């Protein structure tokens, strides 16, 4: 199953509710490229402060998140 670092709290809650456990199989750092979100300052601030969206000064992408691949075991 795939999950971004921004959705991790909900994913962990769902795994726990299902009585399962998770094992990370891999991960990849990914640029955040949702242009619509950039126009909403409050939304972007929440992604950075609460959802592990990393702000980096690197070009061409300024914001990054981690995408994980999990094995969910029931």
PDB file of N, CA and C in Angstrom:
ATOM      1  N   UNK A   1       0.847  -1.150   0.000  1.00  0.00           N
ATOM      2  CA  UNK A   1       0.000   0.000   0.000  1.00  0.00           C
ATOM      3  C   UNK A   1       0.902   1.224   0.000  1.00  0.00           C
ATOM      4  N   UNK A   2       0.489   2.270  -0.704  1.00  0.00           N
ATOM      5  CA  UNK A   2       1.252   3.505  -0.756  1.00  0.00           C
ATOM      6  C   UNK A   2       0.626   4.586   0.105  1.00  0.00           C
ATOM      7  N   UNK A   3       1.475   5.446   0.683  1.00  0.00           N
ATOM      8  CA  UNK A   3       0.998   6.522   1.538  1.00  0.00           C
ATOM      9  C   UNK A   3       2.042   7.628   1.583  1.00  0.00           C
ATOM     10  N   UNK A   4       1.591   8.869   1.459  1.00  0.00           N
ATOM     11  CA  UNK A   4       2.531   9.982   1.568  1.00  0.00           C
ATOM     12  C   UNK A   4       2.708  10.367   3.034  1.00  0.00           C
ATOM     13  N   UNK A   5       3.802  11.054   3.314  1.00  0.00           N
ATOM     14  CA  UNK A   5       4.045  11.518   4.682  1.00  0.00           C
ATOM     15  C   UNK A   5       2.956  12.482   5.135  1.00  0.00           C
ATOM     16  N   UNK A   6       2.312  13.162   4.198  1.00  0.00           N
ATOM     17  CA  UNK A   6       1.252  14.103   4.553  1.00  0.00           C
ATOM     18  C   UNK A   6      -0.014  13.396   5.023  1.00  0.00           C
ATOM     19  N   UNK A   7      -0.233  12.164   4.604  1.00  0.00           N
ATOM     20  CA  UNK A   7      -1.426  11.408   4.989  1.00  0.00           C
ATOM     21  C   UNK A   7      -1.132  10.366   6.068  1.00  0.00           C
ATOM     22  N   UNK A   8       0.080  10.377   6.594  1.00  0.00           N
ATOM     23  CA  UNK A   8       0.504   9.350   7.545  1.00  0.00           C
ATOM     24  C   UNK A   8      -0.375   9.245   8.794  1.00  0.00           C
ATOM     25  N   UNK A   9      -0.820  10.337   9.414  1.00  0.00           N
ATOM     26  CA  UNK A   9      -1.671  10.180  10.612  1.00  0.00           C
ATOM     27  C   UNK A   9      -2.949   9.385  10.337  1.00  0.00           C
ATOM     28  N   UNK A  10      -3.608   9.657   9.226  1.00  0.00           N
ATOM     29  CA  UNK A  10      -4.830   8.917   8.888  1.00  0.00           C
ATOM     30  C   UNK A  10      -4.524   7.467   8.548  1.00  0.00           C
ATOM     31  N   UNK A  11      -3.428   7.234   7.860  1.00  0.00           N
ATOM     32  CA  UNK A  11      -3.039   5.868   7.507  1.00  0.00           C
ATOM     33  C   UNK A  11      -2.759   5.051   8.763  1.00  0.00           C
ATOM     34  N   UNK A  12      -1.991   5.611   9.688  1.00  0.00           N
ATOM     35  CA  UNK A  12      -1.678   4.887  10.923  1.00  0.00           C
ATOM     36  C   UNK A  12      -2.937   4.602  11.737  1.00  0.00           C
ATOM     37  N   UNK A  13      -3.861   5.552  11.758  1.00  0.00           N
ATOM     38  CA  UNK A  13      -5.126   5.348  12.466  1.00  0.00           C
ATOM     39  C   UNK A  13      -5.923   4.205  11.830  1.00  0.00           C
ATOM     40  N   UNK A  14      -5.971   4.150  10.511  1.00  0.00           N
ATOM     41  CA  UNK A  14      -6.706   3.093   9.815  1.00  0.00           C
ATOM     42  C   UNK A  14      -6.071   1.717  10.048  1.00  0.00           C
ATOM     43  N   UNK A  15      -4.748   1.664  10.034  1.00  0.00           N
ATOM     44  CA  UNK A  15      -4.052   0.395  10.273  1.00  0.00           C
ATOM     45  C   UNK A  15      -4.350  -0.099  11.680  1.00  0.00           C
ATOM     46  N   UNK A  16      -4.290   0.803  12.647  1.00  0.00           N
ATOM     47  CA  UNK A  16      -4.570   0.440  14.038  1.00  0.00           C
ATOM     48  C   UNK A  16      -6.017  -0.031  14.198  1.00  0.00           C
ATOM     49  N   UNK A  17      -6.954   0.699  13.593  1.00  0.00           N
ATOM     50  CA  UNK A  17      -8.375   0.341  13.690  1.00  0.00           C
ATOM     51  C   UNK A  17      -8.642  -1.039  13.095  1.00  0.00           C
ATOM     52  N   UNK A  18      -7.912  -1.394  12.049  1.00  0.00           N
ATOM     53  CA  UNK A  18      -8.083  -2.697  11.406  1.00  0.00           C
ATOM     54  C   UNK A  18      -7.394  -3.820  12.180  1.00  0.00           C
ATOM     55  N   UNK A  19      -6.655  -3.465  13.221  1.00  0.00           N
ATOM     56  CA  UNK A  19      -5.946  -4.483  13.992  1.00  0.00           C
ATOM     57  C   UNK A  19      -4.751  -5.040  13.235  1.00  0.00           C
ATOM     58  N   UNK A  20      -4.197  -4.247  12.353  1.00  0.00           N
ATOM     59  CA  UNK A  20      -3.078  -4.693  11.524  1.00  0.00           C
ATOM     60  C   UNK A  20      -1.795  -4.004  11.982  1.00  0.00           C
ATOM     61  N   UNK A  21      -0.727  -4.350  11.328  1.00  0.00           N
ATOM     62  CA  UNK A  21       0.540  -3.659  11.537  1.00  0.00           C
ATOM     63  C   UNK A  21       1.149  -3.389  10.177  1.00  0.00           C
ATOM     64  N   UNK A  22       2.084  -2.461  10.139  1.00  0.00           N
ATOM     65  CA  UNK A  22       2.670  -2.075   8.859  1.00  0.00           C
ATOM     66  C   UNK A  22       4.177  -2.272   8.881  1.00  0.00           C
ATOM     67  N   UNK A  23       4.707  -2.514   7.709  1.00  0.00           N
ATOM     68  CA  UNK A  23       6.151  -2.670   7.530  1.00  0.00           C
ATOM     69  C   UNK A  23       6.540  -1.853   6.304  1.00  0.00           C
ATOM     70  N   UNK A  24       7.513  -0.965   6.450  1.00  0.00           N
ATOM     71  CA  UNK A  24       7.956  -0.138   5.327  1.00  0.00           C
ATOM     72  C   UNK A  24       8.771  -1.002   4.361  1.00  0.00           C
ATOM     73  N   UNK A  25       8.352  -1.002   3.096  1.00  0.00           N
ATOM     74  CA  UNK A  25       9.091  -1.727   2.067  1.00  0.00           C
ATOM     75  C   UNK A  25      10.032  -0.803   1.297  1.00  0.00           C
ATOM     76  N   UNK A  26       9.682   0.473   1.258  1.00  0.00           N
ATOM     77  CA  UNK A  26      10.518   1.430   0.551  1.00  0.00           C
ATOM     78  C   UNK A  26       9.957   2.829   0.685  1.00  0.00           C
ATOM     79  N   UNK A  27      10.760   3.796   0.282  1.00  0.00           N
ATOM     80  CA  UNK A  27      10.308   5.175   0.317  1.00  0.00           C
ATOM     81  C   UNK A  27      11.028   5.965  -0.767  1.00  0.00           C
ATOM     82  N   UNK A  28      10.428   7.104  -1.095  1.00  0.00           N
ATOM     83  CA  UNK A  28      11.005   7.961  -2.128  1.00  0.00           C
ATOM     84  C   UNK A  28      10.617   9.409  -1.838  1.00  0.00           C
ATOM     85  N   UNK A  29      11.586  10.284  -1.869  1.00  0.00           N
ATOM     86  CA  UNK A  29      11.294  11.706  -1.710  1.00  0.00           C
ATOM     87  C   UNK A  29      10.736  12.216  -3.025  1.00  0.00           C
ATOM     88  N   UNK A  30       9.649  12.993  -2.924  1.00  0.00           N
ATOM     89  CA  UNK A  30       8.896  13.407  -4.095  1.00  0.00           C
ATOM     90  C   UNK A  30       8.619  14.904  -4.036  1.00  0.00           C
ATOM     91  N   UNK A  31       8.758  15.621  -5.144  1.00  0.00           N
ATOM     92  CA  UNK A  31       8.423  17.042  -5.122  1.00  0.00           C
ATOM     93  C   UNK A  31       6.912  17.251  -5.038  1.00  0.00           C
ATOM     94  N   UNK A  32       6.514  18.258  -4.295  1.00  0.00           N
ATOM     95  CA  UNK A  32       5.108  18.634  -4.181  1.00  0.00           C
ATOM     96  C   UNK A  32       4.829  19.602  -5.314  1.00  0.00           C
ATOM     97  N   UNK A  33       3.913  19.232  -6.216  1.00  0.00           N
ATOM     98  CA  UNK A  33       3.682  20.016  -7.426  1.00  0.00           C
ATOM     99  C   UNK A  33       2.217  20.357  -7.648  1.00  0.00           C
ATOM    100  N   UNK A  34       1.444  20.526  -6.604  1.00  0.00           N
ATOM    101  CA  UNK A  34       0.039  20.854  -6.758  1.00  0.00           C
ATOM    102  C   UNK A  34      -0.078  22.379  -6.795  1.00  0.00           C
ATOM    103  N   UNK A  35      -0.112  22.920  -7.987  1.00  0.00           N
ATOM    104  CA  UNK A  35      -0.065  24.367  -8.184  1.00  0.00           C
ATOM    105  C   UNK A  35      -1.214  25.087  -7.508  1.00  0.00           C
ATOM    106  N   UNK A  36      -2.386  24.483  -7.481  1.00  0.00           N
ATOM    107  CA  UNK A  36      -3.551  25.100  -6.846  1.00  0.00           C
ATOM    108  C   UNK A  36      -3.268  25.382  -5.372  1.00  0.00           C
ATOM    109  N   UNK A  37      -2.573  24.469  -4.703  1.00  0.00           N
ATOM    110  CA  UNK A  37      -2.296  24.621  -3.272  1.00  0.00           C
ATOM    111  C   UNK A  37      -1.380  25.805  -2.993  1.00  0.00           C
ATOM    112  N   UNK A  38      -0.482  26.115  -3.915  1.00  0.00           N
ATOM    113  CA  UNK A  38       0.457  27.214  -3.707  1.00  0.00           C
ATOM    114  C   UNK A  38      -0.244  28.558  -3.551  1.00  0.00           C
ATOM    115  N   UNK A  39      -1.442  28.690  -4.081  1.00  0.00           N
ATOM    116  CA  UNK A  39      -2.185  29.947  -4.017  1.00  0.00           C
ATOM    117  C   UNK A  39      -2.906  30.145  -2.684  1.00  0.00           C
ATOM    118  N   UNK A  40      -2.904  29.126  -1.838  1.00  0.00           N
ATOM    119  CA  UNK A  40      -3.619  29.167  -0.562  1.00  0.00           C
ATOM    120  C   UNK A  40      -2.616  29.095   0.584  1.00  0.00           C
ATOM    121  N   UNK A  41      -2.199  30.256   1.032  1.00  0.00           N
ATOM    122  CA  UNK A  41      -1.129  30.358   2.020  1.00  0.00           C
ATOM    123  C   UNK A  41      -1.423  29.574   3.298  1.00  0.00           C
ATOM    124  N   UNK A  42      -2.617  29.706   3.834  1.00  0.00           N
ATOM    125  CA  UNK A  42      -2.966  28.995   5.063  1.00  0.00           C
ATOM    126  C   UNK A  42      -2.882  27.491   4.906  1.00  0.00           C
ATOM    127  N   UNK A  43      -3.328  26.999   3.765  1.00  0.00           N
ATOM    128  CA  UNK A  43      -3.262  25.565   3.491  1.00  0.00           C
ATOM    129  C   UNK A  43      -1.812  25.096   3.428  1.00  0.00           C
ATOM    130  N   UNK A  44      -0.973  25.853   2.728  1.00  0.00           N
ATOM    131  CA  UNK A  44       0.441  25.493   2.620  1.00  0.00           C
ATOM    132  C   UNK A  44       1.124  25.535   3.984  1.00  0.00           C
ATOM    133  N   UNK A  45       0.796  26.526   4.798  1.00  0.00           N
ATOM    134  CA  UNK A  45       1.375  26.618   6.141  1.00  0.00           C
ATOM    135  C   UNK A  45       1.012  25.401   6.984  1.00  0.00           C
ATOM    136  N   UNK A  46      -0.239  24.928   6.850  1.00  0.00           N
ATOM    137  CA  UNK A  46      -0.655  23.720   7.592  1.00  0.00           C
ATOM    138  C   UNK A  46       0.066  22.486   7.090  1.00  0.00           C
ATOM    139  N   UNK A  47       0.255  22.373   5.770  1.00  0.00           N
ATOM    140  CA  UNK A  47       0.986  21.227   5.238  1.00  0.00           C
ATOM    141  C   UNK A  47       2.414  21.200   5.775  1.00  0.00           C
ATOM    142  N   UNK A  48       3.017  22.353   5.887  1.00  0.00           N
ATOM    143  CA  UNK A  48       4.393  22.428   6.394  1.00  0.00           C
ATOM    144  C   UNK A  48       4.442  22.154   7.893  1.00  0.00           C
ATOM    145  N   UNK A  49       3.563  22.775   8.660  1.00  0.00           N
ATOM    146  CA  UNK A  49       3.635  22.649  10.116  1.00  0.00           C
ATOM    147  C   UNK A  49       3.042  21.351  10.656  1.00  0.00           C
ATOM    148  N   UNK A  50       2.026  20.819   9.986  1.00  0.00           N
ATOM    149  CA  UNK A  50       1.321  19.652  10.527  1.00  0.00           C
ATOM    150  C   UNK A  50       1.495  18.375   9.710  1.00  0.00           C
ATOM    151  N   UNK A  51       1.879  18.485   8.451  1.00  0.00           N
ATOM    152  CA  UNK A  51       1.850  17.319   7.571  1.00  0.00           C
ATOM    153  C   UNK A  51       3.191  16.943   6.942  1.00  0.00           C
ATOM    154  N   UNK A  52       4.266  17.424   7.527  1.00  0.00           N
ATOM    155  CA  UNK A  52       5.615  17.019   7.124  1.00  0.00           C
ATOM    156  C   UNK A  52       5.974  17.376   5.687  1.00  0.00           C
ATOM    157  N   UNK A  53       5.386  18.425   5.167  1.00  0.00           N
ATOM    158  CA  UNK A  53       5.813  18.935   3.874  1.00  0.00           C
ATOM    159  C   UNK A  53       7.072  19.752   4.146  1.00  0.00           C
ATOM    160  N   UNK A  54       8.163  19.390   3.489  1.00  0.00           N
ATOM    161  CA  UNK A  54       9.444  20.045   3.746  1.00  0.00           C
ATOM    162  C   UNK A  54       9.686  21.155   2.739  1.00  0.00           C
ATOM    163  N   UNK A  55      10.076  22.288   3.264  1.00  0.00           N
ATOM    164  CA  UNK A  55      10.412  23.409   2.396  1.00  0.00           C
ATOM    165  C   UNK A  55      11.922  23.430   2.225  1.00  0.00           C
ATOM    166  N   UNK A  56      12.356  23.345   0.987  1.00  0.00           N
ATOM    167  CA  UNK A  56      13.777  23.360   0.654  1.00  0.00           C
ATOM    168  C   UNK A  56      14.013  24.463  -0.369  1.00  0.00           C
ATOM    169  N   UNK A  57      15.164  24.991  -0.387  1.00  0.00           N
ATOM    170  CA  UNK A  57      15.475  26.058  -1.319  1.00  0.00           C
ATOM    171  C   UNK A  57      15.954  25.563  -2.664  1.00  0.00           C
ATOM    172  N   UNK A  58      15.803  24.283  -2.933  1.00  0.00           N
ATOM    173  CA  UNK A  58      16.338  23.694  -4.159  1.00  0.00           C
ATOM    174  C   UNK A  58      15.460  24.007  -5.351  1.00  0.00           C
ATOM    175  N   UNK A  59      16.108  24.228  -6.457  1.00  0.00           N
ATOM    176  CA  UNK A  59      15.394  24.424  -7.723  1.00  0.00           C
ATOM    177  C   UNK A  59      15.367  23.123  -8.477  1.00  0.00           C
ATOM    178  N   UNK A  60      14.367  22.851  -9.257  1.00  0.00           N
ATOM    179  CA  UNK A  60      13.213  23.692  -9.549  1.00  0.00           C
ATOM    180  C   UNK A  60      12.067  23.524  -8.559  1.00  0.00           C
ATOM    181  N   UNK A  61      12.173  22.596  -7.612  1.00  0.00           N
ATOM    182  CA  UNK A  61      11.067  22.345  -6.686  1.00  0.00           C
ATOM    183  C   UNK A  61      11.417  22.831  -5.290  1.00  0.00           C
ATOM    184  N   UNK A  62      10.505  23.551  -4.678  1.00  0.00           N
ATOM    185  CA  UNK A  62      10.738  24.145  -3.368  1.00  0.00           C
ATOM    186  C   UNK A  62      10.217  23.287  -2.225  1.00  0.00           C
ATOM    187  N   UNK A  63       9.174  22.495  -2.470  1.00  0.00           N
ATOM    188  CA  UNK A  63       8.544  21.695  -1.423  1.00  0.00           C
ATOM    189  C   UNK A  63       8.636  20.204  -1.755  1.00  0.00           C
ATOM    190  N   UNK A  64       8.863  19.399  -0.696  1.00  0.00           N
ATOM    191  CA  UNK A  64       9.041  17.953  -0.866  1.00  0.00           C
ATOM    192  C   UNK A  64       8.308  17.195   0.231  1.00  0.00           C
ATOM    193  N   UNK A  65       7.895  15.968  -0.090  1.00  0.00           N
ATOM    194  CA  UNK A  65       7.322  15.052   0.887  1.00  0.00           C
ATOM    195  C   UNK A  65       7.890  13.669   0.602  1.00  0.00           C
ATOM    196  N   UNK A  66       7.653  12.745   1.502  1.00  0.00           N
ATOM    197  CA  UNK A  66       8.127  11.375   1.315  1.00  0.00           C
ATOM    198  C   UNK A  66       6.932  10.486   1.003  1.00  0.00           C
ATOM    199  N   UNK A  67       7.076   9.642   0.005  1.00  0.00           N
ATOM    200  CA  UNK A  67       6.057   8.652  -0.338  1.00  0.00           C
ATOM    201  C   UNK A  67       6.586   7.292   0.105  1.00  0.00           C
ATOM    202  N   UNK A  68       5.788   6.585   0.888  1.00  0.00           N
ATOM    203  CA  UNK A  68       6.179   5.281   1.433  1.00  0.00           C
ATOM    204  C   UNK A  68       5.369   4.167   0.785  1.00  0.00           C
ATOM    205  N   UNK A  69       5.986   3.019   0.675  1.00  0.00           N
ATOM    206  CA  UNK A  69       5.292   1.799   0.270  1.00  0.00           C
ATOM    207  C   UNK A  69       5.344   0.858   1.471  1.00  0.00           C
ATOM    208  N   UNK A  70       4.177   0.417   1.895  1.00  0.00           N
ATOM    209  CA  UNK A  70       4.044  -0.425   3.075  1.00  0.00           C
ATOM    210  C   UNK A  70       3.510  -1.804   2.731  1.00  0.00           C
ATOM    211  N   UNK A  71       3.891  -2.738   3.542  1.00  0.00           N
ATOM    212  CA  UNK A  71       3.254  -4.050   3.588  1.00  0.00           C
ATOM    213  C   UNK A  71       2.365  -4.001   4.820  1.00  0.00           C
ATOM    214  N   UNK A  72       1.061  -4.197   4.632  1.00  0.00           N
ATOM    215  CA  UNK A  72       0.126  -4.193   5.763  1.00  0.00           C
ATOM    216  C   UNK A  72      -0.199  -5.634   6.095  1.00  0.00           C
ATOM    217  N   UNK A  73       0.026  -5.993   7.361  1.00  0.00           N
ATOM    218  CA  UNK A  73      -0.116  -7.384   7.804  1.00  0.00           C
ATOM    219  C   UNK A  73      -1.277  -7.479   8.779  1.00  0.00           C
ATOM    220  N   UNK A  74      -2.224  -8.362   8.451  1.00  0.00           N
ATOM    221  CA  UNK A  74      -3.392  -8.564   9.313  1.00  0.00           C
ATOM    222  C   UNK A  74      -3.229  -9.781  10.166  1.00  0.00           C
TER     223      UNK A  74
END
